[in-house]
């Protein structure tokens, strides 16, 4: 489950990057890159059957968490703005939908990987 979610998050991150490429905010780009690195570290940890997190995995997990919360916050603010000005463009709706979906997937993935880390630690 965790491996499949990692692959889906990688695909979602790349798709979000392509959608958001219109406005290359450095915060978004760094967040996307940190998320890609975190997903890669989780996949590598799954392949090597390592349960313990190191400092690097923890650092990128925190960066991914902050980025997911920032994306959700930005999507909600954009949704409020779209409703307020009654301007329902395709680009805005795509950005809101992909942002919320990727935020939920990242938060779910962080929760699952944290839970798996605790289970492996107890063994």
PDB file of N, CA and C in Angstrom:
ATOM      1  N   UNK A   1       0.819  -1.192   0.000  1.00  0.00           N
ATOM      2  CA  UNK A   1       0.000   0.000   0.000  1.00  0.00           C
ATOM      3  C   UNK A   1       0.862   1.256   0.000  1.00  0.00           C
ATOM      4  N   UNK A   2       1.890   1.240   0.843  1.00  0.00           N
ATOM      5  CA  UNK A   2       2.763   2.406   0.951  1.00  0.00           C
ATOM      6  C   UNK A   2       3.547   2.620  -0.340  1.00  0.00           C
ATOM      7  N   UNK A   3       3.990   1.535  -0.949  1.00  0.00           N
ATOM      8  CA  UNK A   3       4.742   1.639  -2.202  1.00  0.00           C
ATOM      9  C   UNK A   3       3.853   2.187  -3.320  1.00  0.00           C
ATOM     10  N   UNK A   4       2.629   1.707  -3.416  1.00  0.00           N
ATOM     11  CA  UNK A   4       1.699   2.190  -4.443  1.00  0.00           C
ATOM     12  C   UNK A   4       1.384   3.662  -4.231  1.00  0.00           C
ATOM     13  N   UNK A   5       1.178   4.044  -2.982  1.00  0.00           N
ATOM     14  CA  UNK A   5       0.900   5.440  -2.684  1.00  0.00           C
ATOM     15  C   UNK A   5       2.108   6.321  -2.987  1.00  0.00           C
ATOM     16  N   UNK A   6       3.306   5.799  -2.779  1.00  0.00           N
ATOM     17  CA  UNK A   6       4.515   6.562  -3.129  1.00  0.00           C
ATOM     18  C   UNK A   6       4.577   6.810  -4.628  1.00  0.00           C
ATOM     19  N   UNK A   7       4.297   5.791  -5.410  1.00  0.00           N
ATOM     20  CA  UNK A   7       4.302   5.982  -6.863  1.00  0.00           C
ATOM     21  C   UNK A   7       3.212   6.953  -7.307  1.00  0.00           C
ATOM     22  N   UNK A   8       2.033   6.839  -6.717  1.00  0.00           N
ATOM     23  CA  UNK A   8       0.959   7.771  -7.061  1.00  0.00           C
ATOM     24  C   UNK A   8       1.307   9.205  -6.663  1.00  0.00           C
ATOM     25  N   UNK A   9       1.957   9.378  -5.516  1.00  0.00           N
ATOM     26  CA  UNK A   9       2.376  10.716  -5.103  1.00  0.00           C
ATOM     27  C   UNK A   9       3.450  11.276  -6.025  1.00  0.00           C
ATOM     28  N   UNK A  10       4.339  10.418  -6.491  1.00  0.00           N
ATOM     29  CA  UNK A  10       5.342  10.894  -7.453  1.00  0.00           C
ATOM     30  C   UNK A  10       4.682  11.369  -8.741  1.00  0.00           C
ATOM     31  N   UNK A  11       3.743  10.590  -9.237  1.00  0.00           N
ATOM     32  CA  UNK A  11       3.028  10.981 -10.458  1.00  0.00           C
ATOM     33  C   UNK A  11       2.221  12.251 -10.205  1.00  0.00           C
ATOM     34  N   UNK A  12       1.541  12.328  -9.063  1.00  0.00           N
ATOM     35  CA  UNK A  12       0.767  13.522  -8.729  1.00  0.00           C
ATOM     36  C   UNK A  12       1.632  14.755  -8.570  1.00  0.00           C
ATOM     37  N   UNK A  13       2.813  14.584  -8.000  1.00  0.00           N
ATOM     38  CA  UNK A  13       3.722  15.711  -7.834  1.00  0.00           C
ATOM     39  C   UNK A  13       4.193  16.237  -9.181  1.00  0.00           C
ATOM     40  N   UNK A  14       4.520  15.351 -10.086  1.00  0.00           N
ATOM     41  CA  UNK A  14       4.951  15.775 -11.420  1.00  0.00           C
ATOM     42  C   UNK A  14       3.798  16.458 -12.159  1.00  0.00           C
ATOM     43  N   UNK A  15       2.602  15.903 -12.052  1.00  0.00           N
ATOM     44  CA  UNK A  15       1.433  16.531 -12.703  1.00  0.00           C
ATOM     45  C   UNK A  15       1.145  17.900 -12.108  1.00  0.00           C
ATOM     46  N   UNK A  16       1.233  18.027 -10.781  1.00  0.00           N
ATOM     47  CA  UNK A  16       1.010  19.323 -10.143  1.00  0.00           C
ATOM     48  C   UNK A  16       2.068  20.321 -10.596  1.00  0.00           C
ATOM     49  N   UNK A  17       3.294  19.860 -10.741  1.00  0.00           N
ATOM     50  CA  UNK A  17       4.361  20.740 -11.223  1.00  0.00           C
ATOM     51  C   UNK A  17       4.052  21.233 -12.626  1.00  0.00           C
ATOM     52  N   UNK A  18       3.558  20.361 -13.481  1.00  0.00           N
ATOM     53  CA  UNK A  18       3.227  20.772 -14.843  1.00  0.00           C
ATOM     54  C   UNK A  18       2.053  21.744 -14.872  1.00  0.00           C
ATOM     55  N   UNK A  19       1.075  21.554 -13.985  1.00  0.00           N
ATOM     56  CA  UNK A  19      -0.055  22.483 -13.913  1.00  0.00           C
ATOM     57  C   UNK A  19       0.401  23.820 -13.353  1.00  0.00           C
ATOM     58  N   UNK A  20       1.244  23.784 -12.333  1.00  0.00           N
ATOM     59  CA  UNK A  20       1.658  25.006 -11.650  1.00  0.00           C
ATOM     60  C   UNK A  20       2.811  25.710 -12.356  1.00  0.00           C
ATOM     61  N   UNK A  21       3.315  25.128 -13.417  1.00  0.00           N
ATOM     62  CA  UNK A  21       4.474  25.686 -14.104  1.00  0.00           C
ATOM     63  C   UNK A  21       4.217  27.091 -14.636  1.00  0.00           C
ATOM     64  N   UNK A  22       2.944  27.488 -14.728  1.00  0.00           N
ATOM     65  CA  UNK A  22       2.606  28.817 -15.207  1.00  0.00           C
ATOM     66  C   UNK A  22       3.213  29.900 -14.318  1.00  0.00           C
ATOM     67  N   UNK A  23       3.287  29.637 -13.026  1.00  0.00           N
ATOM     68  CA  UNK A  23       3.804  30.606 -12.068  1.00  0.00           C
ATOM     69  C   UNK A  23       4.829  29.888 -11.208  1.00  0.00           C
ATOM     70  N   UNK A  24       6.071  29.962 -11.577  1.00  0.00           N
ATOM     71  CA  UNK A  24       7.122  29.204 -10.906  1.00  0.00           C
ATOM     72  C   UNK A  24       7.576  29.818  -9.602  1.00  0.00           C
ATOM     73  N   UNK A  25       6.750  29.719  -8.568  1.00  0.00           N
ATOM     74  CA  UNK A  25       7.091  30.189  -7.242  1.00  0.00           C
ATOM     75  C   UNK A  25       8.181  29.286  -6.661  1.00  0.00           C
ATOM     76  N   UNK A  26       9.290  29.857  -6.175  1.00  0.00           N
ATOM     77  CA  UNK A  26      10.367  29.013  -5.624  1.00  0.00           C
ATOM     78  C   UNK A  26       9.926  28.139  -4.454  1.00  0.00           C
ATOM     79  N   UNK A  27       8.972  28.602  -3.653  1.00  0.00           N
ATOM     80  CA  UNK A  27       8.480  27.805  -2.530  1.00  0.00           C
ATOM     81  C   UNK A  27       7.813  26.536  -3.033  1.00  0.00           C
ATOM     82  N   UNK A  28       6.996  26.662  -4.072  1.00  0.00           N
ATOM     83  CA  UNK A  28       6.307  25.504  -4.636  1.00  0.00           C
ATOM     84  C   UNK A  28       7.314  24.536  -5.249  1.00  0.00           C
ATOM     85  N   UNK A  29       8.260  25.059  -5.985  1.00  0.00           N
ATOM     86  CA  UNK A  29       9.242  24.200  -6.654  1.00  0.00           C
ATOM     87  C   UNK A  29      10.101  23.460  -5.622  1.00  0.00           C
ATOM     88  N   UNK A  30      10.551  24.155  -4.581  1.00  0.00           N
ATOM     89  CA  UNK A  30      11.339  23.492  -3.538  1.00  0.00           C
ATOM     90  C   UNK A  30      10.501  22.465  -2.769  1.00  0.00           C
ATOM     91  N   UNK A  31       9.244  22.781  -2.540  1.00  0.00           N
ATOM     92  CA  UNK A  31       8.357  21.826  -1.877  1.00  0.00           C
ATOM     93  C   UNK A  31       8.139  20.583  -2.717  1.00  0.00           C
ATOM     94  N   UNK A  32       7.937  20.781  -4.007  1.00  0.00           N
ATOM     95  CA  UNK A  32       7.762  19.635  -4.902  1.00  0.00           C
ATOM     96  C   UNK A  32       9.017  18.777  -4.959  1.00  0.00           C
ATOM     97  N   UNK A  33      10.170  19.427  -5.028  1.00  0.00           N
ATOM     98  CA  UNK A  33      11.424  18.661  -5.052  1.00  0.00           C
ATOM     99  C   UNK A  33      11.653  17.907  -3.746  1.00  0.00           C
ATOM    100  N   UNK A  34      11.340  18.529  -2.615  1.00  0.00           N
ATOM    101  CA  UNK A  34      11.501  17.829  -1.337  1.00  0.00           C
ATOM    102  C   UNK A  34      10.527  16.659  -1.228  1.00  0.00           C
ATOM    103  N   UNK A  35       9.330  16.814  -1.793  1.00  0.00           N
ATOM    104  CA  UNK A  35       8.367  15.719  -1.794  1.00  0.00           C
ATOM    105  C   UNK A  35       8.848  14.568  -2.661  1.00  0.00           C
ATOM    106  N   UNK A  36       9.422  14.875  -3.805  1.00  0.00           N
ATOM    107  CA  UNK A  36       9.957  13.839  -4.689  1.00  0.00           C
ATOM    108  C   UNK A  36      11.089  13.090  -3.992  1.00  0.00           C
ATOM    109  N   UNK A  37      11.972  13.818  -3.318  1.00  0.00           N
ATOM    110  CA  UNK A  37      13.079  13.169  -2.602  1.00  0.00           C
ATOM    111  C   UNK A  37      12.539  12.283  -1.480  1.00  0.00           C
ATOM    112  N   UNK A  38      11.537  12.760  -0.754  1.00  0.00           N
ATOM    113  CA  UNK A  38      10.961  11.966   0.330  1.00  0.00           C
ATOM    114  C   UNK A  38      10.310  10.690  -0.202  1.00  0.00           C
ATOM    115  N   UNK A  39       9.573  10.801  -1.293  1.00  0.00           N
ATOM    116  CA  UNK A  39       8.942   9.613  -1.880  1.00  0.00           C
ATOM    117  C   UNK A  39      10.006   8.615  -2.335  1.00  0.00           C
ATOM    118  N   UNK A  40      11.070   9.124  -2.905  1.00  0.00           N
ATOM    119  CA  UNK A  40      12.161   8.252  -3.347  1.00  0.00           C
ATOM    120  C   UNK A  40      12.815   7.559  -2.150  1.00  0.00           C
ATOM    121  N   UNK A  41      13.009   8.293  -1.058  1.00  0.00           N
ATOM    122  CA  UNK A  41      13.599   7.684   0.139  1.00  0.00           C
ATOM    123  C   UNK A  41      12.699   6.595   0.718  1.00  0.00           C
ATOM    124  N   UNK A  42      11.399   6.811   0.697  1.00  0.00           N
ATOM    125  CA  UNK A  42      10.470   5.801   1.197  1.00  0.00           C
ATOM    126  C   UNK A  42      10.515   4.556   0.305  1.00  0.00           C
ATOM    127  N   UNK A  43      10.530   4.765  -1.014  1.00  0.00           N
ATOM    128  CA  UNK A  43      10.602   3.620  -1.929  1.00  0.00           C
ATOM    129  C   UNK A  43      11.898   2.842  -1.737  1.00  0.00           C
ATOM    130  N   UNK A  44      12.995   3.553  -1.561  1.00  0.00           N
ATOM    131  CA  UNK A  44      14.279   2.890  -1.332  1.00  0.00           C
ATOM    132  C   UNK A  44      14.280   2.136  -0.010  1.00  0.00           C
ATOM    133  N   UNK A  45      13.676   2.717   1.001  1.00  0.00           N
ATOM    134  CA  UNK A  45      13.573   2.058   2.295  1.00  0.00           C
ATOM    135  C   UNK A  45      12.715   0.795   2.205  1.00  0.00           C
ATOM    136  N   UNK A  46      11.660   0.842   1.395  1.00  0.00           N
ATOM    137  CA  UNK A  46      10.806  -0.333   1.198  1.00  0.00           C
ATOM    138  C   UNK A  46      11.568  -1.446   0.475  1.00  0.00           C
ATOM    139  N   UNK A  47      12.359  -1.078  -0.515  1.00  0.00           N
ATOM    140  CA  UNK A  47      13.111  -2.086  -1.267  1.00  0.00           C
ATOM    141  C   UNK A  47      14.191  -2.736  -0.416  1.00  0.00           C
ATOM    142  N   UNK A  48      14.810  -1.968   0.460  1.00  0.00           N
ATOM    143  CA  UNK A  48      15.856  -2.506   1.318  1.00  0.00           C
ATOM    144  C   UNK A  48      15.300  -3.081   2.616  1.00  0.00           C
ATOM    145  N   UNK A  49      13.988  -2.985   2.794  1.00  0.00           N
ATOM    146  CA  UNK A  49      13.289  -3.489   3.976  1.00  0.00           C
ATOM    147  C   UNK A  49      13.859  -2.924   5.269  1.00  0.00           C
ATOM    148  N   UNK A  50      14.136  -1.639   5.222  1.00  0.00           N
ATOM    149  CA  UNK A  50      14.575  -0.934   6.423  1.00  0.00           C
ATOM    150  C   UNK A  50      13.354  -0.327   7.083  1.00  0.00           C
ATOM    151  N   UNK A  51      13.251  -0.438   8.377  1.00  0.00           N
ATOM    152  CA  UNK A  51      12.110   0.107   9.085  1.00  0.00           C
ATOM    153  C   UNK A  51      12.413   1.435   9.752  1.00  0.00           C
ATOM    154  N   UNK A  52      13.652   1.613  10.158  1.00  0.00           N
ATOM    155  CA  UNK A  52      13.999   2.813  10.913  1.00  0.00           C
ATOM    156  C   UNK A  52      14.232   4.001   9.983  1.00  0.00           C
ATOM    157  N   UNK A  53      13.775   5.133  10.428  1.00  0.00           N
ATOM    158  CA  UNK A  53      14.031   6.376   9.702  1.00  0.00           C
ATOM    159  C   UNK A  53      15.333   6.973  10.191  1.00  0.00           C
ATOM    160  N   UNK A  54      16.032   7.588   9.283  1.00  0.00           N
ATOM    161  CA  UNK A  54      17.215   8.334   9.654  1.00  0.00           C
ATOM    162  C   UNK A  54      16.869   9.809   9.755  1.00  0.00           C
ATOM    163  N   UNK A  55      17.886  10.592   9.948  1.00  0.00           N
ATOM    164  CA  UNK A  55      17.706  12.046  10.044  1.00  0.00           C
ATOM    165  C   UNK A  55      17.229  12.608   8.709  1.00  0.00           C
ATOM    166  N   UNK A  56      17.748  12.071   7.627  1.00  0.00           N
ATOM    167  CA  UNK A  56      17.390  12.587   6.303  1.00  0.00           C
ATOM    168  C   UNK A  56      15.921  12.320   5.998  1.00  0.00           C
ATOM    169  N   UNK A  57      15.443  11.112   6.293  1.00  0.00           N
ATOM    170  CA  UNK A  57      14.036  10.801   6.046  1.00  0.00           C
ATOM    171  C   UNK A  57      13.125  11.674   6.899  1.00  0.00           C
ATOM    172  N   UNK A  58      13.507  11.875   8.140  1.00  0.00           N
ATOM    173  CA  UNK A  58      12.720  12.731   9.029  1.00  0.00           C
ATOM    174  C   UNK A  58      12.682  14.168   8.558  1.00  0.00           C
ATOM    175  N   UNK A  59      13.819  14.667   8.081  1.00  0.00           N
ATOM    176  CA  UNK A  59      13.893  16.038   7.580  1.00  0.00           C
ATOM    177  C   UNK A  59      12.980  16.227   6.374  1.00  0.00           C
ATOM    178  N   UNK A  60      13.064  15.297   5.423  1.00  0.00           N
ATOM    179  CA  UNK A  60      12.222  15.418   4.235  1.00  0.00           C
ATOM    180  C   UNK A  60      10.756  15.120   4.540  1.00  0.00           C
ATOM    181  N   UNK A  61      10.481  14.326   5.568  1.00  0.00           N
ATOM    182  CA  UNK A  61       9.092  14.109   5.982  1.00  0.00           C
ATOM    183  C   UNK A  61       8.493  15.406   6.525  1.00  0.00           C
ATOM    184  N   UNK A  62       9.265  16.124   7.324  1.00  0.00           N
ATOM    185  CA  UNK A  62       8.779  17.406   7.858  1.00  0.00           C
ATOM    186  C   UNK A  62       8.588  18.409   6.721  1.00  0.00           C
ATOM    187  N   UNK A  63       9.528  18.462   5.783  1.00  0.00           N
ATOM    188  CA  UNK A  63       9.375  19.367   4.641  1.00  0.00           C
ATOM    189  C   UNK A  63       8.141  19.004   3.807  1.00  0.00           C
ATOM    190  N   UNK A  64       7.897  17.726   3.620  1.00  0.00           N
ATOM    191  CA  UNK A  64       6.715  17.296   2.867  1.00  0.00           C
ATOM    192  C   UNK A  64       5.437  17.649   3.612  1.00  0.00           C
ATOM    193  N   UNK A  65       5.451  17.511   4.932  1.00  0.00           N
ATOM    194  CA  UNK A  65       4.286  17.870   5.732  1.00  0.00           C
ATOM    195  C   UNK A  65       3.997  19.367   5.623  1.00  0.00           C
ATOM    196  N   UNK A  66       5.026  20.175   5.756  1.00  0.00           N
ATOM    197  CA  UNK A  66       4.853  21.631   5.641  1.00  0.00           C
ATOM    198  C   UNK A  66       4.361  21.992   4.240  1.00  0.00           C
ATOM    199  N   UNK A  67       4.914  21.359   3.229  1.00  0.00           N
ATOM    200  CA  UNK A  67       4.494  21.642   1.865  1.00  0.00           C
ATOM    201  C   UNK A  67       3.052  21.220   1.624  1.00  0.00           C
ATOM    202  N   UNK A  68       2.649  20.065   2.162  1.00  0.00           N
ATOM    203  CA  UNK A  68       1.265  19.611   1.987  1.00  0.00           C
ATOM    204  C   UNK A  68       0.295  20.585   2.657  1.00  0.00           C
ATOM    205  N   UNK A  69       0.626  21.041   3.844  1.00  0.00           N
ATOM    206  CA  UNK A  69      -0.232  22.001   4.527  1.00  0.00           C
ATOM    207  C   UNK A  69      -0.269  23.341   3.782  1.00  0.00           C
ATOM    208  N   UNK A  70       0.859  23.766   3.252  1.00  0.00           N
ATOM    209  CA  UNK A  70       0.913  24.999   2.467  1.00  0.00           C
ATOM    210  C   UNK A  70       0.061  24.878   1.196  1.00  0.00           C
ATOM    211  N   UNK A  71       0.123  23.716   0.544  1.00  0.00           N
ATOM    212  CA  UNK A  71      -0.689  23.499  -0.655  1.00  0.00           C
ATOM    213  C   UNK A  71      -2.173  23.527  -0.334  1.00  0.00           C
ATOM    214  N   UNK A  72      -2.555  22.886   0.749  1.00  0.00           N
ATOM    215  CA  UNK A  72      -3.960  22.896   1.151  1.00  0.00           C
ATOM    216  C   UNK A  72      -4.438  24.296   1.493  1.00  0.00           C
ATOM    217  N   UNK A  73      -3.611  25.035   2.204  1.00  0.00           N
ATOM    218  CA  UNK A  73      -3.942  26.418   2.560  1.00  0.00           C
ATOM    219  C   UNK A  73      -4.082  27.280   1.308  1.00  0.00           C
ATOM    220  N   UNK A  74      -3.151  27.120   0.378  1.00  0.00           N
ATOM    221  CA  UNK A  74      -3.207  27.892  -0.874  1.00  0.00           C
ATOM    222  C   UNK A  74      -4.436  27.525  -1.697  1.00  0.00           C
ATOM    223  N   UNK A  75      -4.781  26.249  -1.742  1.00  0.00           N
ATOM    224  CA  UNK A  75      -5.950  25.814  -2.513  1.00  0.00           C
ATOM    225  C   UNK A  75      -7.239  26.356  -1.911  1.00  0.00           C
ATOM    226  N   UNK A  76      -7.330  26.366  -0.592  1.00  0.00           N
ATOM    227  CA  UNK A  76      -8.526  26.905   0.062  1.00  0.00           C
ATOM    228  C   UNK A  76      -8.637  28.410  -0.180  1.00  0.00           C
ATOM    229  N   UNK A  77      -7.518  29.121  -0.077  1.00  0.00           N
ATOM    230  CA  UNK A  77      -7.552  30.559  -0.347  1.00  0.00           C
ATOM    231  C   UNK A  77      -7.933  30.848  -1.798  1.00  0.00           C
ATOM    232  N   UNK A  78      -7.427  30.050  -2.724  1.00  0.00           N
ATOM    233  CA  UNK A  78      -7.792  30.221  -4.121  1.00  0.00           C
ATOM    234  C   UNK A  78      -9.269  29.908  -4.340  1.00  0.00           C
ATOM    235  N   UNK A  79      -9.774  28.895  -3.680  1.00  0.00           N
ATOM    236  CA  UNK A  79     -11.192  28.553  -3.786  1.00  0.00           C
ATOM    237  C   UNK A  79     -12.069  29.693  -3.259  1.00  0.00           C
ATOM    238  N   UNK A  80     -11.690  30.276  -2.136  1.00  0.00           N
ATOM    239  CA  UNK A  80     -12.436  31.410  -1.584  1.00  0.00           C
ATOM    240  C   UNK A  80     -12.416  32.583  -2.552  1.00  0.00           C
ATOM    241  N   UNK A  81     -11.265  32.837  -3.140  1.00  0.00           N
ATOM    242  CA  UNK A  81     -11.146  33.929  -4.109  1.00  0.00           C
ATOM    243  C   UNK A  81     -11.982  33.675  -5.360  1.00  0.00           C
ATOM    244  N   UNK A  82     -11.990  32.453  -5.833  1.00  0.00           N
ATOM    245  CA  UNK A  82     -12.771  32.100  -7.020  1.00  0.00           C
ATOM    246  C   UNK A  82     -14.259  32.290  -6.748  1.00  0.00           C
ATOM    247  N   UNK A  83     -14.706  31.862  -5.576  1.00  0.00           N
ATOM    248  CA  UNK A  83     -16.118  32.010  -5.222  1.00  0.00           C
ATOM    249  C   UNK A  83     -16.468  33.480  -5.036  1.00  0.00           C
ATOM    250  N   UNK A  84     -15.578  34.225  -4.412  1.00  0.00           N
ATOM    251  CA  UNK A  84     -15.848  35.644  -4.155  1.00  0.00           C
ATOM    252  C   UNK A  84     -15.992  36.443  -5.441  1.00  0.00           C
ATOM    253  N   UNK A  85     -15.106  36.209  -6.404  1.00  0.00           N
ATOM    254  CA  UNK A  85     -15.139  36.971  -7.655  1.00  0.00           C
ATOM    255  C   UNK A  85     -15.959  36.290  -8.751  1.00  0.00           C
ATOM    256  N   UNK A  86     -16.507  35.119  -8.443  1.00  0.00           N
ATOM    257  CA  UNK A  86     -17.327  34.363  -9.394  1.00  0.00           C
ATOM    258  C   UNK A  86     -16.623  34.192 -10.740  1.00  0.00           C
ATOM    259  N   UNK A  87     -15.357  33.825 -10.657  1.00  0.00           N
ATOM    260  CA  UNK A  87     -14.555  33.594 -11.858  1.00  0.00           C
ATOM    261  C   UNK A  87     -14.095  32.140 -11.834  1.00  0.00           C
ATOM    262  N   UNK A  88     -14.846  31.285 -12.500  1.00  0.00           N
ATOM    263  CA  UNK A  88     -14.608  29.847 -12.466  1.00  0.00           C
ATOM    264  C   UNK A  88     -13.862  29.402 -13.715  1.00  0.00           C
ATOM    265  N   UNK A  89     -12.597  29.741 -13.800  1.00  0.00           N
ATOM    266  CA  UNK A  89     -11.825  29.339 -14.980  1.00  0.00           C
ATOM    267  C   UNK A  89     -11.339  27.899 -14.813  1.00  0.00           C
ATOM    268  N   UNK A  90     -11.065  27.273 -15.939  1.00  0.00           N
ATOM    269  CA  UNK A  90     -10.605  25.887 -15.947  1.00  0.00           C
ATOM    270  C   UNK A  90      -9.261  25.757 -15.223  1.00  0.00           C
ATOM    271  N   UNK A  91      -8.360  26.726 -15.425  1.00  0.00           N
ATOM    272  CA  UNK A  91      -7.048  26.667 -14.782  1.00  0.00           C
ATOM    273  C   UNK A  91      -7.162  26.746 -13.261  1.00  0.00           C
ATOM    274  N   UNK A  92      -8.038  27.625 -12.777  1.00  0.00           N
ATOM    275  CA  UNK A  92      -8.210  27.751 -11.324  1.00  0.00           C
ATOM    276  C   UNK A  92      -8.785  26.474 -10.725  1.00  0.00           C
ATOM    277  N   UNK A  93      -9.777  25.912 -11.382  1.00  0.00           N
ATOM    278  CA  UNK A  93     -10.391  24.691 -10.861  1.00  0.00           C
ATOM    279  C   UNK A  93      -9.414  23.513 -10.892  1.00  0.00           C
ATOM    280  N   UNK A  94      -8.610  23.443 -11.939  1.00  0.00           N
ATOM    281  CA  UNK A  94      -7.609  22.381 -12.036  1.00  0.00           C
ATOM    282  C   UNK A  94      -6.559  22.522 -10.945  1.00  0.00           C
ATOM    283  N   UNK A  95      -6.134  23.750 -10.688  1.00  0.00           N
ATOM    284  CA  UNK A  95      -5.139  23.991  -9.651  1.00  0.00           C
ATOM    285  C   UNK A  95      -5.703  23.693  -8.262  1.00  0.00           C
ATOM    286  N   UNK A  96      -6.951  24.073  -8.020  1.00  0.00           N
ATOM    287  CA  UNK A  96      -7.579  23.795  -6.722  1.00  0.00           C
ATOM    288  C   UNK A  96      -7.752  22.290  -6.529  1.00  0.00           C
ATOM    289  N   UNK A  97      -8.280  21.622  -7.543  1.00  0.00           N
ATOM    290  CA  UNK A  97      -8.508  20.182  -7.436  1.00  0.00           C
ATOM    291  C   UNK A  97      -7.226  19.394  -7.264  1.00  0.00           C
ATOM    292  N   UNK A  98      -6.226  19.700  -8.077  1.00  0.00           N
ATOM    293  CA  UNK A  98      -4.967  18.950  -7.969  1.00  0.00           C
ATOM    294  C   UNK A  98      -4.250  19.270  -6.673  1.00  0.00           C
ATOM    295  N   UNK A  99      -4.353  20.502  -6.202  1.00  0.00           N
ATOM    296  CA  UNK A  99      -3.714  20.864  -4.937  1.00  0.00           C
ATOM    297  C   UNK A  99      -4.327  20.151  -3.756  1.00  0.00           C
ATOM    298  N   UNK A 100      -5.658  20.130  -3.708  1.00  0.00           N
ATOM    299  CA  UNK A 100      -6.327  19.441  -2.598  1.00  0.00           C
ATOM    300  C   UNK A 100      -6.104  17.931  -2.647  1.00  0.00           C
ATOM    301  N   UNK A 101      -6.158  17.364  -3.845  1.00  0.00           N
ATOM    302  CA  UNK A 101      -5.952  15.926  -3.984  1.00  0.00           C
ATOM    303  C   UNK A 101      -4.536  15.521  -3.590  1.00  0.00           C
ATOM    304  N   UNK A 102      -3.556  16.271  -4.056  1.00  0.00           N
ATOM    305  CA  UNK A 102      -2.168  15.959  -3.710  1.00  0.00           C
ATOM    306  C   UNK A 102      -1.912  16.186  -2.221  1.00  0.00           C
ATOM    307  N   UNK A 103      -2.519  17.207  -1.637  1.00  0.00           N
ATOM    308  CA  UNK A 103      -2.353  17.446  -0.207  1.00  0.00           C
ATOM    309  C   UNK A 103      -2.890  16.266   0.601  1.00  0.00           C
ATOM    310  N   UNK A 104      -4.088  15.788   0.246  1.00  0.00           N
ATOM    311  CA  UNK A 104      -4.659  14.651   0.965  1.00  0.00           C
ATOM    312  C   UNK A 104      -3.823  13.385   0.785  1.00  0.00           C
ATOM    313  N   UNK A 105      -3.332  13.161  -0.428  1.00  0.00           N
ATOM    314  CA  UNK A 105      -2.497  11.984  -0.675  1.00  0.00           C
ATOM    315  C   UNK A 105      -1.191  12.063   0.110  1.00  0.00           C
ATOM    316  N   UNK A 106      -0.574  13.242   0.163  1.00  0.00           N
ATOM    317  CA  UNK A 106       0.678  13.383   0.907  1.00  0.00           C
ATOM    318  C   UNK A 106       0.458  13.201   2.405  1.00  0.00           C
ATOM    319  N   UNK A 107      -0.616  13.781   2.935  1.00  0.00           N
ATOM    320  CA  UNK A 107      -0.885  13.618   4.364  1.00  0.00           C
ATOM    321  C   UNK A 107      -1.180  12.159   4.717  1.00  0.00           C
ATOM    322  N   UNK A 108      -1.938  11.487   3.856  1.00  0.00           N
ATOM    323  CA  UNK A 108      -2.230  10.074   4.082  1.00  0.00           C
ATOM    324  C   UNK A 108      -0.950   9.239   4.006  1.00  0.00           C
ATOM    325  N   UNK A 109      -0.091   9.561   3.061  1.00  0.00           N
ATOM    326  CA  UNK A 109       1.178   8.840   2.918  1.00  0.00           C
ATOM    327  C   UNK A 109       2.080   9.077   4.131  1.00  0.00           C
ATOM    328  N   UNK A 110       2.147  10.311   4.605  1.00  0.00           N
ATOM    329  CA  UNK A 110       2.962  10.597   5.784  1.00  0.00           C
ATOM    330  C   UNK A 110       2.438   9.842   7.003  1.00  0.00           C
ATOM    331  N   UNK A 111       1.122   9.782   7.140  1.00  0.00           N
ATOM    332  CA  UNK A 111       0.530   9.038   8.257  1.00  0.00           C
ATOM    333  C   UNK A 111       0.852   7.550   8.153  1.00  0.00           C
ATOM    334  N   UNK A 112       0.702   6.975   6.965  1.00  0.00           N
ATOM    335  CA  UNK A 112       0.997   5.548   6.791  1.00  0.00           C
ATOM    336  C   UNK A 112       2.471   5.234   7.030  1.00  0.00           C
ATOM    337  N   UNK A 113       3.364   6.070   6.519  1.00  0.00           N
ATOM    338  CA  UNK A 113       4.790   5.798   6.706  1.00  0.00           C
ATOM    339  C   UNK A 113       5.190   5.974   8.164  1.00  0.00           C
ATOM    340  N   UNK A 114       4.584   6.938   8.850  1.00  0.00           N
ATOM    341  CA  UNK A 114       4.869   7.114  10.269  1.00  0.00           C
ATOM    342  C   UNK A 114       4.368   5.919  11.065  1.00  0.00           C
ATOM    343  N   UNK A 115       3.171   5.425  10.726  1.00  0.00           N
ATOM    344  CA  UNK A 115       2.619   4.262  11.413  1.00  0.00           C
ATOM    345  C   UNK A 115       3.473   3.015  11.159  1.00  0.00           C
ATOM    346  N   UNK A 116       3.923   2.846   9.925  1.00  0.00           N
ATOM    347  CA  UNK A 116       4.765   1.693   9.612  1.00  0.00           C
ATOM    348  C   UNK A 116       6.104   1.787  10.343  1.00  0.00           C
ATOM    349  N   UNK A 117       6.624   2.989  10.457  1.00  0.00           N
ATOM    350  CA  UNK A 117       7.877   3.174  11.191  1.00  0.00           C
ATOM    351  C   UNK A 117       7.710   2.773  12.651  1.00  0.00           C
ATOM    352  N   UNK A 118       6.578   3.137  13.247  1.00  0.00           N
ATOM    353  CA  UNK A 118       6.346   2.763  14.641  1.00  0.00           C
ATOM    354  C   UNK A 118       6.158   1.268  14.813  1.00  0.00           C
ATOM    355  N   UNK A 119       5.498   0.616  13.862  1.00  0.00           N
ATOM    356  CA  UNK A 119       5.288  -0.821  13.937  1.00  0.00           C
ATOM    357  C   UNK A 119       6.621  -1.554  13.805  1.00  0.00           C
ATOM    358  N   UNK A 120       7.456  -1.129  12.855  1.00  0.00           N
ATOM    359  CA  UNK A 120       8.773  -1.773  12.666  1.00  0.00           C
ATOM    360  C   UNK A 120       9.679  -1.525  13.870  1.00  0.00           C
ATOM    361  N   UNK A 121       9.522  -0.370  14.513  1.00  0.00           N
ATOM    362  CA  UNK A 121      10.349  -0.050  15.660  1.00  0.00           C
ATOM    363  C   UNK A 121      10.010  -0.959  16.846  1.00  0.00           C
ATOM    364  N   UNK A 122       8.719  -1.312  16.978  1.00  0.00           N
ATOM    365  CA  UNK A 122       8.295  -2.181  18.071  1.00  0.00           C
ATOM    366  C   UNK A 122       8.755  -3.619  17.907  1.00  0.00           C
ATOM    367  N   UNK A 123       9.028  -4.047  16.662  1.00  0.00           N
ATOM    368  CA  UNK A 123       9.424  -5.436  16.408  1.00  0.00           C
ATOM    369  C   UNK A 123      10.842  -5.722  16.789  1.00  0.00           C
TER     370      UNK A 123
END
